[in-house]
Amino acid sequence: NTIRKVNPEYEHIRAWISSVGAAIAVN
């Protein structure tokens, strides 16, 4: 996917709301 589904109040800024979440850890 390239963007998330969001609350309707955020629909016009859904790219902004979709701008975080990628994460990585090593151990």
PDB file of all heavy atoms in Angstrom:
ATOM      1  N   ASN A   1       0.834  -1.192   0.000  1.00  0.00           N
ATOM      2  CA  ASN A   1       0.000   0.000   0.000  1.00  0.00           C
ATOM      3  C   ASN A   1       0.874   1.250   0.000  1.00  0.00           C
ATOM      4  O   ASN A   1       2.072   1.198   0.306  1.00  0.00           O
ATOM      5  CB  ASN A   1      -0.929  -0.002   1.213  1.00  0.00           C
ATOM      6  CG  ASN A   1      -1.846  -1.210   1.227  1.00  0.00           C
ATOM      7  OD1 ASN A   1      -2.406  -1.573   0.200  1.00  0.00           O
ATOM      8  ND2 ASN A   1      -2.002  -1.842   2.386  1.00  0.00           N
ATOM      9  N   THR A   2       0.264   2.386  -0.301  1.00  0.00           N
ATOM     10  CA  THR A   2       1.013   3.643  -0.349  1.00  0.00           C
ATOM     11  C   THR A   2       0.428   4.718   0.551  1.00  0.00           C
ATOM     12  O   THR A   2       0.992   5.806   0.652  1.00  0.00           O
ATOM     13  CB  THR A   2       1.065   4.184  -1.791  1.00  0.00           C
ATOM     14  OG1 THR A   2      -0.275   4.363  -2.265  1.00  0.00           O
ATOM     15  CG2 THR A   2       1.805   3.214  -2.707  1.00  0.00           C
ATOM     16  N   ILE A   3      -0.690   4.444   1.189  1.00  0.00           N
ATOM     17  CA  ILE A   3      -1.318   5.418   2.080  1.00  0.00           C
ATOM     18  C   ILE A   3      -2.309   4.675   2.960  1.00  0.00           C
ATOM     19  O   ILE A   3      -2.739   3.558   2.637  1.00  0.00           O
ATOM     20  CB  ILE A   3      -2.016   6.546   1.275  1.00  0.00           C
ATOM     21  CG1 ILE A   3      -2.183   7.798   2.134  1.00  0.00           C
ATOM     22  CG2 ILE A   3      -3.338   6.055   0.689  1.00  0.00           C
ATOM     23  CD1 ILE A   3      -2.493   9.044   1.328  1.00  0.00           C
ATOM     24  N   ARG A   4      -2.677   5.268   4.093  1.00  0.00           N
ATOM     25  CA  ARG A   4      -3.579   4.611   5.026  1.00  0.00           C
ATOM     26  C   ARG A   4      -5.002   5.160   4.920  1.00  0.00           C
ATOM     27  O   ARG A   4      -5.217   6.302   4.519  1.00  0.00           O
ATOM     28  CB  ARG A   4      -3.089   4.800   6.471  1.00  0.00           C
ATOM     29  CG  ARG A   4      -1.834   4.040   6.813  1.00  0.00           C
ATOM     30  CD  ARG A   4      -1.677   3.951   8.328  1.00  0.00           C
ATOM     31  NE  ARG A   4      -0.519   3.143   8.673  1.00  0.00           N
ATOM     32  CZ  ARG A   4       0.657   3.644   9.033  1.00  0.00           C
ATOM     33  NH1 ARG A   4       0.818   4.948   9.091  1.00  0.00           N
ATOM     34  NH2 ARG A   4       1.658   2.853   9.342  1.00  0.00           N
ATOM     35  N   LYS A   5      -5.952   4.345   5.351  1.00  0.00           N
ATOM     36  CA  LYS A   5      -7.310   4.819   5.578  1.00  0.00           C
ATOM     37  C   LYS A   5      -7.335   5.541   6.921  1.00  0.00           C
ATOM     38  O   LYS A   5      -6.708   5.097   7.878  1.00  0.00           O
ATOM     39  CB  LYS A   5      -8.290   3.650   5.578  1.00  0.00           C
ATOM     40  CG  LYS A   5      -8.377   2.925   4.240  1.00  0.00           C
ATOM     41  CD  LYS A   5      -9.342   1.753   4.307  1.00  0.00           C
ATOM     42  CE  LYS A   5      -9.412   1.034   2.966  1.00  0.00           C
ATOM     43  NZ  LYS A   5     -10.344  -0.123   3.021  1.00  0.00           N
ATOM     44  N   VAL A   6      -8.070   6.648   6.979  1.00  0.00           N
ATOM     45  CA  VAL A   6      -8.047   7.487   8.180  1.00  0.00           C
ATOM     46  C   VAL A   6      -9.458   7.920   8.547  1.00  0.00           C
ATOM     47  O   VAL A   6     -10.416   7.752   7.774  1.00  0.00           O
ATOM     48  CB  VAL A   6      -7.161   8.738   7.958  1.00  0.00           C
ATOM     49  CG1 VAL A   6      -5.724   8.339   7.663  1.00  0.00           C
ATOM     50  CG2 VAL A   6      -7.717   9.613   6.834  1.00  0.00           C
ATOM     51  N   ASN A   7      -9.583   8.487   9.735  1.00  0.00           N
ATOM     52  CA  ASN A   7     -10.832   9.080  10.178  1.00  0.00           C
ATOM     53  C   ASN A   7     -11.299  10.117   9.142  1.00  0.00           C
ATOM     54  O   ASN A   7     -10.481  10.852   8.582  1.00  0.00           O
ATOM     55  CB  ASN A   7     -10.620   9.745  11.536  1.00  0.00           C
ATOM     56  CG  ASN A   7     -11.889  10.312  12.132  1.00  0.00           C
ATOM     57  OD1 ASN A   7     -12.395  11.336  11.670  1.00  0.00           O
ATOM     58  ND2 ASN A   7     -12.399   9.672  13.168  1.00  0.00           N
ATOM     59  N   PRO A   8     -12.609  10.198   8.861  1.00  0.00           N
ATOM     60  CA  PRO A   8     -13.080  11.155   7.845  1.00  0.00           C
ATOM     61  C   PRO A   8     -12.629  12.593   8.082  1.00  0.00           C
ATOM     62  O   PRO A   8     -12.433  13.344   7.115  1.00  0.00           O
ATOM     63  CB  PRO A   8     -14.607  11.025   7.947  1.00  0.00           C
ATOM     64  CG  PRO A   8     -14.844   9.642   8.449  1.00  0.00           C
ATOM     65  CD  PRO A   8     -13.709   9.362   9.385  1.00  0.00           C
ATOM     66  N   GLU A   9     -12.442  12.982   9.347  1.00  0.00           N
ATOM     67  CA  GLU A   9     -11.988  14.339   9.643  1.00  0.00           C
ATOM     68  C   GLU A   9     -10.565  14.585   9.129  1.00  0.00           C
ATOM     69  O   GLU A   9     -10.161  15.735   8.924  1.00  0.00           O
ATOM     70  CB  GLU A   9     -12.032  14.589  11.152  1.00  0.00           C
ATOM     71  CG  GLU A   9     -13.414  14.528  11.761  1.00  0.00           C
ATOM     72  CD  GLU A   9     -14.188  15.807  11.519  1.00  0.00           C
ATOM     73  OE1 GLU A   9     -13.948  16.792  12.235  1.00  0.00           O
ATOM     74  OE2 GLU A   9     -15.021  15.818  10.586  1.00  0.00           O
ATOM     75  N   TYR A  10      -9.802  13.502   8.939  1.00  0.00           N
ATOM     76  CA  TYR A  10      -8.418  13.606   8.474  1.00  0.00           C
ATOM     77  C   TYR A  10      -8.273  13.299   6.984  1.00  0.00           C
ATOM     78  O   TYR A  10      -7.147  13.269   6.476  1.00  0.00           O
ATOM     79  CB  TYR A  10      -7.528  12.628   9.244  1.00  0.00           C
ATOM     80  CG  TYR A  10      -7.397  12.875  10.721  1.00  0.00           C
ATOM     81  CD1 TYR A  10      -7.498  11.814  11.627  1.00  0.00           C
ATOM     82  CD2 TYR A  10      -7.150  14.138  11.234  1.00  0.00           C
ATOM     83  CE1 TYR A  10      -7.360  12.020  12.988  1.00  0.00           C
ATOM     84  CE2 TYR A  10      -7.019  14.351  12.595  1.00  0.00           C
ATOM     85  CZ  TYR A  10      -7.124  13.281  13.471  1.00  0.00           C
ATOM     86  OH  TYR A  10      -6.982  13.488  14.823  1.00  0.00           O
ATOM     87  N   GLU A  11      -9.363  13.050   6.289  1.00  0.00           N
ATOM     88  CA  GLU A  11      -9.275  12.553   4.920  1.00  0.00           C
ATOM     89  C   GLU A  11      -8.452  13.474   4.021  1.00  0.00           C
ATOM     90  O   GLU A  11      -7.639  13.009   3.207  1.00  0.00           O
ATOM     91  CB  GLU A  11     -10.686  12.373   4.346  1.00  0.00           C
ATOM     92  CG  GLU A  11     -10.722  11.858   2.906  1.00  0.00           C
ATOM     93  CD  GLU A  11     -10.193  10.438   2.750  1.00  0.00           C
ATOM     94  OE1 GLU A  11     -10.111   9.703   3.768  1.00  0.00           O
ATOM     95  OE2 GLU A  11      -9.838  10.070   1.616  1.00  0.00           O
ATOM     96  N   HIS A  12      -8.611  14.796   4.151  1.00  0.00           N
ATOM     97  CA  HIS A  12      -7.896  15.716   3.257  1.00  0.00           C
ATOM     98  C   HIS A  12      -6.416  15.844   3.614  1.00  0.00           C
ATOM     99  O   HIS A  12      -5.640  16.406   2.844  1.00  0.00           O
ATOM    100  CB  HIS A  12      -8.559  17.090   3.279  1.00  0.00           C
ATOM    101  CG  HIS A  12      -8.409  17.821   4.578  1.00  0.00           C
ATOM    102  ND1 HIS A  12      -9.017  17.411   5.750  1.00  0.00           N
ATOM    103  CD2 HIS A  12      -7.710  18.946   4.901  1.00  0.00           C
ATOM    104  CE1 HIS A  12      -8.708  18.242   6.724  1.00  0.00           C
ATOM    105  NE2 HIS A  12      -7.909  19.175   6.244  1.00  0.00           N
ATOM    106  N   ILE A  13      -6.008  15.314   4.796  1.00  0.00           N
ATOM    107  CA  ILE A  13      -4.583  15.324   5.178  1.00  0.00           C
ATOM    108  C   ILE A  13      -4.093  13.901   5.427  1.00  0.00           C
ATOM    109  O   ILE A  13      -3.212  13.663   6.248  1.00  0.00           O
ATOM    110  CB  ILE A  13      -4.326  16.212   6.419  1.00  0.00           C
ATOM    111  CG1 ILE A  13      -5.213  15.781   7.603  1.00  0.00           C
ATOM    112  CG2 ILE A  13      -4.536  17.670   6.095  1.00  0.00           C
ATOM    113  CD1 ILE A  13      -4.846  16.455   8.909  1.00  0.00           C
ATOM    114  N   ARG A  14      -4.659  12.955   4.688  1.00  0.00           N
ATOM    115  CA  ARG A  14      -4.327  11.552   4.960  1.00  0.00           C
ATOM    116  C   ARG A  14      -2.874  11.229   4.649  1.00  0.00           C
ATOM    117  O   ARG A  14      -2.312  10.295   5.235  1.00  0.00           O
ATOM    118  CB  ARG A  14      -5.258  10.609   4.212  1.00  0.00           C
ATOM    119  CG  ARG A  14      -5.275  10.737   2.701  1.00  0.00           C
ATOM    120  CD  ARG A  14      -6.466   9.937   2.139  1.00  0.00           C
ATOM    121  NE  ARG A  14      -6.532   9.937   0.684  1.00  0.00           N
ATOM    122  CZ  ARG A  14      -7.074  10.926  -0.027  1.00  0.00           C
ATOM    123  NH1 ARG A  14      -7.560  12.000   0.580  1.00  0.00           N
ATOM    124  NH2 ARG A  14      -7.122  10.839  -1.348  1.00  0.00           N
ATOM    125  N   ALA A  15      -2.213  11.972   3.764  1.00  0.00           N
ATOM    126  CA  ALA A  15      -0.782  11.743   3.550  1.00  0.00           C
ATOM    127  C   ALA A  15       0.007  12.151   4.786  1.00  0.00           C
ATOM    128  O   ALA A  15       0.992  11.504   5.161  1.00  0.00           O
ATOM    129  CB  ALA A  15      -0.297  12.515   2.324  1.00  0.00           C
ATOM    130  N   TRP A  16      -0.399  13.245   5.412  1.00  0.00           N
ATOM    131  CA  TRP A  16       0.243  13.679   6.653  1.00  0.00           C
ATOM    132  C   TRP A  16       0.044  12.619   7.743  1.00  0.00           C
ATOM    133  O   TRP A  16       0.984  12.227   8.434  1.00  0.00           O
ATOM    134  CB  TRP A  16      -0.351  15.017   7.090  1.00  0.00           C
ATOM    135  CG  TRP A  16       0.322  15.643   8.269  1.00  0.00           C
ATOM    136  CD1 TRP A  16       0.312  15.202   9.568  1.00  0.00           C
ATOM    137  CD2 TRP A  16       1.136  16.820   8.267  1.00  0.00           C
ATOM    138  NE1 TRP A  16       1.053  16.038  10.371  1.00  0.00           N
ATOM    139  CE2 TRP A  16       1.571  17.032   9.593  1.00  0.00           C
ATOM    140  CE3 TRP A  16       1.510  17.721   7.266  1.00  0.00           C
ATOM    141  CZ2 TRP A  16       2.373  18.111   9.953  1.00  0.00           C
ATOM    142  CZ3 TRP A  16       2.314  18.791   7.625  1.00  0.00           C
ATOM    143  CH2 TRP A  16       2.739  18.981   8.947  1.00  0.00           C
ATOM    144  N   ILE A  17      -1.181  12.143   7.899  1.00  0.00           N
ATOM    145  CA  ILE A  17      -1.483  11.137   8.913  1.00  0.00           C
ATOM    146  C   ILE A  17      -0.744   9.834   8.613  1.00  0.00           C
ATOM    147  O   ILE A  17      -0.425   9.063   9.515  1.00  0.00           O
ATOM    148  CB  ILE A  17      -3.001  10.887   8.977  1.00  0.00           C
ATOM    149  CG1 ILE A  17      -3.749  12.203   9.241  1.00  0.00           C
ATOM    150  CG2 ILE A  17      -3.349   9.877  10.053  1.00  0.00           C
ATOM    151  CD1 ILE A  17      -3.375  12.884  10.534  1.00  0.00           C
ATOM    152  N   SER A  18      -0.432   9.603   7.348  1.00  0.00           N
ATOM    153  CA  SER A  18       0.258   8.371   6.936  1.00  0.00           C
ATOM    154  C   SER A  18       1.770   8.506   6.939  1.00  0.00           C
ATOM    155  O   SER A  18       2.462   7.660   6.360  1.00  0.00           O
ATOM    156  CB  SER A  18      -0.213   7.974   5.529  1.00  0.00           C
ATOM    157  OG  SER A  18      -1.605   7.780   5.479  1.00  0.00           O
ATOM    158  N   SER A  19       2.308   9.539   7.569  1.00  0.00           N
ATOM    159  CA  SER A  19       3.730   9.854   7.417  1.00  0.00           C
ATOM    160  C   SER A  19       4.639   9.172   8.428  1.00  0.00           C
ATOM    161  O   SER A  19       5.848   9.378   8.399  1.00  0.00           O
ATOM    162  CB  SER A  19       3.940  11.370   7.515  1.00  0.00           C
ATOM    163  OG  SER A  19       3.587  11.835   8.814  1.00  0.00           O
ATOM    164  N   VAL A  20       4.111   8.382   9.344  1.00  0.00           N
ATOM    165  CA  VAL A  20       4.950   7.699  10.331  1.00  0.00           C
ATOM    166  C   VAL A  20       4.572   6.227  10.408  1.00  0.00           C
ATOM    167  O   VAL A  20       3.537   5.804   9.899  1.00  0.00           O
ATOM    168  CB  VAL A  20       4.817   8.345  11.730  1.00  0.00           C
ATOM    169  CG1 VAL A  20       5.417   9.725  11.760  1.00  0.00           C
ATOM    170  CG2 VAL A  20       3.358   8.383  12.174  1.00  0.00           C
ATOM    171  N   GLY A  21       5.406   5.465  11.064  1.00  0.00           N
ATOM    172  CA  GLY A  21       5.116   4.052  11.281  1.00  0.00           C
ATOM    173  C   GLY A  21       6.220   3.109  10.861  1.00  0.00           C
ATOM    174  O   GLY A  21       6.323   1.999  11.399  1.00  0.00           O
ATOM    175  N   ALA A  22       7.066   3.497   9.900  1.00  0.00           N
ATOM    176  CA  ALA A  22       8.168   2.626   9.509  1.00  0.00           C
ATOM    177  C   ALA A  22       9.163   2.533  10.657  1.00  0.00           C
ATOM    178  O   ALA A  22       9.592   3.542  11.212  1.00  0.00           O
ATOM    179  CB  ALA A  22       8.855   3.166   8.256  1.00  0.00           C
ATOM    180  N   ALA A  23       9.522   1.320  11.042  1.00  0.00           N
ATOM    181  CA  ALA A  23      10.367   1.115  12.221  1.00  0.00           C
ATOM    182  C   ALA A  23      11.282  -0.072  12.001  1.00  0.00           C
ATOM    183  O   ALA A  23      10.979  -0.967  11.194  1.00  0.00           O
ATOM    184  CB  ALA A  23       9.493   0.890  13.462  1.00  0.00           C
ATOM    185  N   ILE A  24      12.394  -0.089  12.748  1.00  0.00           N
ATOM    186  CA  ILE A  24      13.325  -1.208  12.629  1.00  0.00           C
ATOM    187  C   ILE A  24      14.155  -1.322  13.900  1.00  0.00           C
ATOM    188  O   ILE A  24      14.470  -0.327  14.555  1.00  0.00           O
ATOM    189  CB  ILE A  24      14.230  -1.035  11.388  1.00  0.00           C
ATOM    190  CG1 ILE A  24      14.868  -2.366  10.992  1.00  0.00           C
ATOM    191  CG2 ILE A  24      15.289   0.054  11.593  1.00  0.00           C
ATOM    192  CD1 ILE A  24      15.262  -2.443   9.543  1.00  0.00           C
ATOM    193  N   ALA A  25      14.474  -2.557  14.257  1.00  0.00           N
ATOM    194  CA  ALA A  25      15.305  -2.842  15.432  1.00  0.00           C
ATOM    195  C   ALA A  25      16.200  -4.023  15.107  1.00  0.00           C
ATOM    196  O   ALA A  25      15.871  -4.867  14.264  1.00  0.00           O
ATOM    197  CB  ALA A  25      14.434  -3.145  16.652  1.00  0.00           C
ATOM    198  N   VAL A  26      17.329  -4.081  15.789  1.00  0.00           N
ATOM    199  CA  VAL A  26      18.249  -5.202  15.605  1.00  0.00           C
ATOM    200  C   VAL A  26      18.667  -5.706  16.975  1.00  0.00           C
ATOM    201  O   VAL A  26      18.910  -4.938  17.897  1.00  0.00           O
ATOM    202  CB  VAL A  26      19.478  -4.776  14.762  1.00  0.00           C
ATOM    203  CG1 VAL A  26      20.261  -3.658  15.442  1.00  0.00           C
ATOM    204  CG2 VAL A  26      20.383  -5.966  14.462  1.00  0.00           C
ATOM    205  N   ASN A  27      18.702  -7.034  17.106  1.00  0.00           N
ATOM    206  CA  ASN A  27      19.100  -7.624  18.375  1.00  0.00           C
ATOM    207  C   ASN A  27      19.348  -9.109  18.175  1.00  0.00           C
ATOM    208  O   ASN A  27      19.178  -9.638  17.071  1.00  0.00           O
ATOM    209  CB  ASN A  27      18.012  -7.392  19.442  1.00  0.00           C
ATOM    210  CG  ASN A  27      18.612  -7.152  20.815  1.00  0.00           C
ATOM    211  OD1 ASN A  27      19.277  -8.019  21.373  1.00  0.00           O
ATOM    212  ND2 ASN A  27      18.396  -5.957  21.357  1.00  0.00           N
TER     213      ASN A  27
END
